[in-house]
Amino acid sequence: MQTVRHSEHTLRTALISKNPALVSQYEKLDAGEKRLMDEAFRPDSDLFGPITLHSQSDWITSHPEAPQDFEEFFNDPYRKTPSPQEHSIYIQCIGQILKFLKKKKPEDAFCVVGITMIDLFPRDSWNFVFGQASLTDGVGIFSFARYGSDFYSSHYEGKLKKLQKKSSSDYSVFDNYYVPEVTSVLLLRSCKTLTHEIGHIFGLRHCQWLACLMQGSNHLEEADQRPLDLCPICLRKLQSAIGFHLKDRYKALVRWVDAESTDTPTVSPERSREDPLSLPKPVEAFKEWREWITKCLAVLQK
């Protein structure tokens, strides 16, 4: 196991920048927001810690890439930003892929993301991907197939019995596809994937600064170890792209977790397919994350 630990100076520069205009922008944050962001520099912080690598197959080791600090994010001429005309995020449950989404993208959409329980791979040389996105077109497709508790078991019902060669316009393979039981762990994993990939559409690259939602993941174990929250550097990027008060954001997240009882009864796969609106929202696996948000609110409200 290896820890990726950056110096206080490196993290401060990555978050605040040395550009006077961006430093001034940072200084205009309210006292609570700066107090929370500054947790990035505290070696003993219990809110934001260093990245831990558990194996040579982890993302940072196997996919070397240059880190993106706030200044590089802010000055990226190719990143998409919401506008009064394009301000909505659409989530579409589909079997079709990126070209379909681009054609179906509403005029007011900042991005459209498709979700499916079909396992995905972009080309024959890959065994699978959790998701794939086109940042310039503002579309993405994400699979939650491998997040079901029974995916890697021999009795998984979603496996094809034999290889099927289909034309690019034939989507019959998606008919009556298998939907696993909706559990809090599946929901947590799905939220991580969906918000991570939407972060990419906003222009956030893979995080190499601190433990963060925007870390890449090569396998399910690594995805599970990744937190659901953004580190201060990525949080400032998202705040710059969208514009929000951190206190309002965290209060809204707590309300989302608390919106329904955690003892909502489970729903069978058959029921889920027939009536998607009946899907429960089990949140037992979000308990630790909710406690983390509460700590952040305490820092913001000092």
Protein backbone atom coordinates (compact mmCIF):
# COMPACT_ATOMS: atom_id res chain seq x y z
CA MET A 1 0.00 0.00 0.00
CA GLN A 2 1.33 3.46 -0.95
CA THR A 3 0.25 6.95 0.12
CA VAL A 4 0.39 9.85 -2.35
CA ARG A 5 1.07 12.87 -0.14
CA HIS A 6 1.67 16.40 -1.43
CA SER A 7 3.27 19.27 0.47
CA GLU A 8 1.18 22.10 1.91
CA HIS A 9 2.73 24.48 -0.63
CA THR A 10 1.82 22.21 -3.57
CA LEU A 11 -1.78 21.79 -2.40
CA ARG A 12 -2.14 25.52 -1.68
CA THR A 13 -0.92 26.39 -5.17
CA ALA A 14 -3.18 23.76 -6.76
CA LEU A 15 -6.22 25.14 -4.94
CA ILE A 16 -5.62 28.91 -4.83
CA SER A 17 -3.14 29.47 -7.70
CA LYS A 18 -0.40 32.08 -7.96
CA ASN A 19 -2.42 34.10 -10.48
CA PRO A 20 -3.39 37.34 -8.68
CA ALA A 21 -6.86 37.38 -10.21
CA LEU A 22 -7.60 33.82 -9.05
CA VAL A 23 -6.10 34.50 -5.62
CA SER A 24 -8.42 37.52 -5.33
CA GLN A 25 -11.35 35.34 -6.40
CA TYR A 26 -10.48 32.86 -3.64
CA GLU A 27 -10.20 35.60 -1.03
CA LYS A 28 -13.77 36.68 -1.82
CA LEU A 29 -15.15 33.36 -0.55
CA ASP A 30 -16.91 33.75 2.78
CA ALA A 31 -14.98 32.86 5.94
CA GLY A 32 -16.67 29.47 6.39
CA GLU A 33 -15.98 28.38 2.80
CA LYS A 34 -12.30 29.35 3.05
CA ARG A 35 -12.07 27.55 6.39
CA LEU A 36 -13.40 24.36 4.79
CA MET A 37 -11.20 24.68 1.68
CA ASP A 38 -8.13 25.29 3.85
CA GLU A 39 -8.65 21.83 5.39
CA ALA A 40 -6.80 20.61 2.29
CA PHE A 41 -3.53 21.92 3.77
CA ARG A 42 -3.92 20.43 7.27
CA PRO A 43 -1.90 17.20 7.60
CA ASP A 44 -4.16 16.08 10.47
CA SER A 45 -7.46 16.90 8.74
CA ASP A 46 -10.20 14.32 9.28
CA LEU A 47 -12.17 15.69 6.31
CA PHE A 48 -9.66 15.47 3.43
CA GLY A 49 -6.83 12.96 3.39
CA PRO A 50 -4.13 11.82 0.94
CA ILE A 51 -4.71 9.33 -1.85
CA THR A 52 -3.95 5.73 -0.94
CA LEU A 53 -2.88 3.27 -3.62
CA HIS A 54 -3.69 -0.34 -2.77
CA SER A 55 -2.26 -2.16 -5.78
CA GLN A 56 -0.31 -1.72 -9.02
CA SER A 57 -3.59 -2.01 -10.92
CA ASP A 58 -4.97 1.20 -9.37
CA TRP A 59 -5.75 4.04 -11.74
CA ILE A 60 -2.90 6.47 -11.01
CA THR A 61 -0.28 3.73 -11.38
CA SER A 62 -1.63 2.20 -14.58
CA HIS A 63 -2.88 5.41 -16.28
CA PRO A 64 -0.25 8.15 -15.74
CA GLU A 65 -1.59 11.61 -16.56
CA ALA A 66 -0.71 15.19 -15.69
CA PRO A 67 -2.58 16.60 -12.67
CA GLN A 68 -5.04 19.47 -13.20
CA ASP A 69 -4.89 22.34 -10.70
CA PHE A 70 -7.57 25.01 -10.36
CA GLU A 71 -5.79 27.51 -12.62
CA GLU A 72 -5.47 24.99 -15.45
CA PHE A 73 -9.15 24.06 -15.05
CA PHE A 74 -10.24 27.72 -15.00
CA ASN A 75 -8.26 28.59 -18.14
CA ASP A 76 -9.23 25.49 -20.16
CA PRO A 77 -10.78 26.88 -23.38
CA TYR A 78 -12.48 23.58 -24.20
CA ARG A 79 -14.42 22.92 -20.98
CA LYS A 80 -18.18 23.24 -21.08
CA THR A 81 -19.89 25.71 -18.77
CA PRO A 82 -23.63 26.00 -18.07
CA SER A 83 -25.43 28.99 -19.54
CA PRO A 84 -28.95 30.47 -19.26
CA GLN A 85 -29.78 28.52 -22.43
CA GLU A 86 -28.07 25.24 -21.46
CA HIS A 87 -28.48 24.65 -17.76
CA SER A 88 -30.19 21.29 -17.19
CA ILE A 89 -28.72 17.82 -16.58
CA TYR A 90 -30.90 15.07 -18.09
CA ILE A 91 -30.59 11.46 -16.94
CA GLN A 92 -32.00 9.03 -19.50
CA CYS A 93 -32.47 5.30 -18.84
CA ILE A 94 -31.60 3.70 -22.18
CA GLY A 95 -29.89 0.93 -24.03
CA GLN A 96 -28.59 3.13 -26.86
CA ILE A 97 -25.26 4.91 -26.72
CA LEU A 98 -23.63 8.32 -27.33
CA LYS A 99 -24.79 9.14 -30.86
CA PHE A 100 -28.39 8.48 -29.81
CA LEU A 101 -27.98 10.80 -26.83
CA LYS A 102 -26.49 13.57 -28.95
CA LYS A 103 -29.44 13.42 -31.35
CA LYS A 104 -31.95 13.42 -28.47
CA LYS A 105 -30.28 16.20 -26.47
CA PRO A 106 -32.86 18.88 -25.50
CA GLU A 107 -32.07 22.49 -26.38
CA ASP A 108 -31.81 23.53 -22.73
CA ALA A 109 -29.56 20.62 -21.77
CA PHE A 110 -26.07 21.23 -20.44
CA CYS A 111 -25.56 17.49 -20.70
CA VAL A 112 -27.48 14.24 -21.11
CA VAL A 113 -26.32 11.09 -19.36
CA GLY A 114 -27.68 7.65 -20.17
CA ILE A 115 -27.79 4.93 -17.54
CA THR A 116 -28.06 1.22 -18.18
CA MET A 117 -27.63 -2.12 -16.46
CA ILE A 118 -25.94 -3.55 -19.58
CA ASP A 119 -22.18 -4.11 -19.23
CA LEU A 120 -20.25 -1.75 -21.52
CA PHE A 121 -16.94 -1.88 -23.39
CA PRO A 122 -15.87 0.72 -25.98
CA ARG A 123 -13.79 -1.60 -28.17
CA ASP A 124 -12.67 -5.21 -28.41
CA SER A 125 -9.37 -4.51 -26.64
CA TRP A 126 -11.22 -3.48 -23.43
CA ASN A 127 -12.96 -5.93 -21.13
CA PHE A 128 -15.32 -3.26 -19.70
CA VAL A 129 -15.76 0.37 -18.68
CA PHE A 130 -17.98 1.79 -15.92
CA GLY A 131 -18.82 4.71 -18.20
CA GLN A 132 -17.85 6.79 -21.21
CA ALA A 133 -18.50 10.44 -22.04
CA SER A 134 -18.03 12.94 -24.85
CA LEU A 135 -17.01 16.15 -23.12
CA THR A 136 -17.39 18.39 -26.17
CA ASP A 137 -20.89 17.09 -26.95
CA GLY A 138 -22.03 16.99 -23.32
CA VAL A 139 -23.25 13.38 -23.43
CA GLY A 140 -22.28 10.23 -21.55
CA ILE A 141 -23.38 6.64 -20.96
CA PHE A 142 -22.80 4.81 -17.70
CA SER A 143 -23.36 1.20 -16.72
CA PHE A 144 -24.20 0.06 -13.21
CA ALA A 145 -24.16 -3.64 -14.19
CA ARG A 146 -21.05 -4.48 -12.15
CA TYR A 147 -22.42 -2.78 -9.05
CA GLY A 148 -25.00 -5.46 -8.32
CA SER A 149 -24.00 -7.84 -5.54
CA ASP A 150 -24.40 -10.88 -7.78
CA PHE A 151 -22.62 -9.67 -10.94
CA TYR A 152 -19.46 -11.71 -10.33
CA SER A 153 -21.34 -14.81 -9.19
CA SER A 154 -21.98 -17.82 -11.37
CA HIS A 155 -25.76 -17.37 -11.13
CA TYR A 156 -25.81 -13.79 -12.46
CA GLU A 157 -28.89 -13.61 -14.69
CA GLY A 158 -27.68 -10.82 -16.96
CA LYS A 159 -25.00 -12.82 -18.79
CA LEU A 160 -25.49 -13.57 -22.46
CA LYS A 161 -25.70 -17.30 -23.12
CA LYS A 162 -23.73 -16.89 -26.33
CA LEU A 163 -22.02 -14.10 -28.26
CA GLN A 164 -24.46 -12.08 -30.36
CA LYS A 165 -23.29 -10.08 -33.36
CA LYS A 166 -25.66 -7.18 -33.92
CA SER A 167 -25.68 -4.31 -36.37
CA SER A 168 -25.05 -0.82 -34.96
CA SER A 169 -28.76 -0.01 -35.34
CA ASP A 170 -30.07 -3.20 -33.69
CA TYR A 171 -30.71 -2.75 -29.96
CA SER A 172 -32.74 -5.91 -29.39
CA VAL A 173 -30.01 -7.21 -27.06
CA PHE A 174 -31.28 -4.68 -24.52
CA ASP A 175 -34.83 -6.08 -24.53
CA ASN A 176 -35.92 -7.45 -21.14
CA TYR A 177 -32.45 -7.06 -19.69
CA TYR A 178 -31.75 -8.07 -16.13
CA VAL A 179 -32.12 -5.54 -13.28
CA PRO A 180 -30.53 -6.54 -9.95
CA GLU A 181 -31.99 -5.83 -6.55
CA VAL A 182 -31.80 -2.15 -5.63
CA THR A 183 -29.64 -1.96 -2.49
CA SER A 184 -28.01 0.95 -0.70
CA VAL A 185 -24.57 -0.27 -1.84
CA LEU A 186 -25.67 -0.34 -5.49
CA LEU A 187 -27.13 3.17 -5.09
CA LEU A 188 -23.93 4.48 -3.47
CA ARG A 189 -21.75 2.98 -6.20
CA SER A 190 -24.07 4.35 -8.89
CA CYS A 191 -24.00 7.85 -7.37
CA LYS A 192 -20.21 7.78 -7.36
CA THR A 193 -20.00 6.79 -11.03
CA LEU A 194 -22.67 9.20 -12.22
CA THR A 195 -21.34 12.25 -10.35
CA HIS A 196 -17.72 11.41 -11.26
CA GLU A 197 -18.52 11.29 -14.97
CA ILE A 198 -20.71 14.42 -14.87
CA GLY A 199 -17.73 16.08 -13.19
CA HIS A 200 -15.70 15.24 -16.31
CA ILE A 201 -18.37 16.89 -18.47
CA PHE A 202 -17.93 20.05 -16.36
CA GLY A 203 -14.21 19.90 -17.22
CA LEU A 204 -12.79 18.26 -14.08
CA ARG A 205 -10.01 15.82 -14.90
CA HIS A 206 -8.92 12.92 -12.69
CA CYS A 207 -7.82 14.15 -9.28
CA GLN A 208 -4.28 13.40 -8.12
CA TRP A 209 -4.18 15.75 -5.15
CA LEU A 210 -6.22 14.22 -2.31
CA ALA A 211 -8.70 11.40 -1.71
CA CYS A 212 -11.54 12.53 -3.95
CA LEU A 213 -14.59 11.50 -5.97
CA MET A 214 -12.69 12.53 -9.12
CA GLN A 215 -9.96 9.89 -8.68
CA GLY A 216 -9.95 7.37 -11.51
CA SER A 217 -10.81 3.74 -10.79
CA ASN A 218 -9.73 0.63 -12.66
CA HIS A 219 -11.77 -1.92 -10.74
CA LEU A 220 -14.66 -2.23 -8.32
CA GLU A 221 -12.48 -2.44 -5.20
CA GLU A 222 -10.78 0.84 -6.11
CA ALA A 223 -14.14 2.46 -6.91
CA ASP A 224 -15.46 1.42 -3.48
CA GLN A 225 -12.43 2.97 -1.75
CA ARG A 226 -12.97 6.29 -3.54
CA PRO A 227 -15.02 8.77 -1.44
CA LEU A 228 -18.32 10.24 -2.61
CA ASP A 229 -17.11 13.78 -1.84
CA LEU A 230 -14.89 16.20 -3.75
CA CYS A 231 -11.58 17.40 -2.32
CA PRO A 232 -11.26 21.20 -1.90
CA ILE A 233 -9.38 21.61 -5.19
CA CYS A 234 -12.07 19.84 -7.22
CA LEU A 235 -14.80 21.43 -5.12
CA ARG A 236 -13.52 24.89 -6.05
CA LYS A 237 -13.50 23.86 -9.72
CA LEU A 238 -17.15 22.78 -9.55
CA GLN A 239 -18.13 25.87 -7.56
CA SER A 240 -16.44 28.04 -10.20
CA ALA A 241 -18.24 26.21 -13.03
CA ILE A 242 -21.73 26.28 -11.50
CA GLY A 243 -21.77 28.89 -8.74
CA PHE A 244 -23.15 27.78 -5.36
CA HIS A 245 -22.67 28.36 -1.63
CA LEU A 246 -21.02 25.38 0.05
CA LYS A 247 -23.33 25.55 3.06
CA ASP A 248 -26.41 25.41 0.81
CA ARG A 249 -24.90 22.52 -1.16
CA TYR A 250 -24.17 20.40 1.92
CA LYS A 251 -27.55 21.12 3.51
CA ALA A 252 -29.22 20.02 0.26
CA LEU A 253 -27.20 16.78 0.27
CA VAL A 254 -28.27 16.02 3.85
CA ARG A 255 -31.90 16.65 2.87
CA TRP A 256 -31.50 14.21 -0.03
CA VAL A 257 -30.18 11.47 2.24
CA ASP A 258 -32.94 12.10 4.81
CA ALA A 259 -35.76 12.47 2.27
CA GLU A 260 -36.93 8.87 2.59
CA SER A 261 -36.77 6.26 5.33
CA THR A 262 -33.81 3.88 5.19
CA ASP A 263 -36.14 0.96 5.83
CA THR A 264 -37.90 1.34 2.49
CA PRO A 265 -38.81 -2.19 1.36
CA THR A 266 -36.77 -3.68 -1.44
CA VAL A 267 -38.22 -4.02 -4.91
CA SER A 268 -37.95 -7.06 -7.12
CA PRO A 269 -36.23 -6.76 -10.53
CA GLU A 270 -39.54 -7.50 -12.27
CA ARG A 271 -41.30 -4.71 -10.43
CA SER A 272 -38.47 -2.29 -11.18
CA ARG A 273 -38.74 -2.84 -14.93
CA GLU A 274 -42.50 -2.45 -14.99
CA ASP A 275 -42.66 0.66 -12.84
CA PRO A 276 -39.39 2.59 -12.50
CA LEU A 277 -41.09 5.20 -10.30
CA SER A 278 -41.56 2.58 -7.60
CA LEU A 279 -37.80 2.15 -7.05
CA PRO A 280 -36.83 2.64 -3.41
CA LYS A 281 -34.01 4.84 -2.14
CA PRO A 282 -32.21 2.74 0.48
CA VAL A 283 -29.49 4.89 2.04
CA GLU A 284 -27.89 2.73 4.74
CA ALA A 285 -24.55 2.85 2.88
CA PHE A 286 -24.65 6.66 2.89
CA LYS A 287 -24.48 6.91 6.72
CA GLU A 288 -20.71 7.55 6.86
CA TRP A 289 -20.95 10.13 4.06
CA ARG A 290 -23.78 11.94 5.88
CA GLU A 291 -21.63 12.13 9.01
CA TRP A 292 -18.82 13.59 6.90
CA ILE A 293 -21.17 16.28 5.50
CA THR A 294 -22.26 17.14 9.04
CA LYS A 295 -18.60 17.72 9.99
CA CYS A 296 -18.18 19.97 6.95
CA LEU A 297 -21.25 21.99 7.95
CA ALA A 298 -19.81 22.40 11.42
CA VAL A 299 -16.65 23.92 9.92
CA LEU A 300 -18.69 26.17 7.60
CA GLN A 301 -20.92 27.44 10.40
CA LYS A 302 -18.24 28.22 13.02
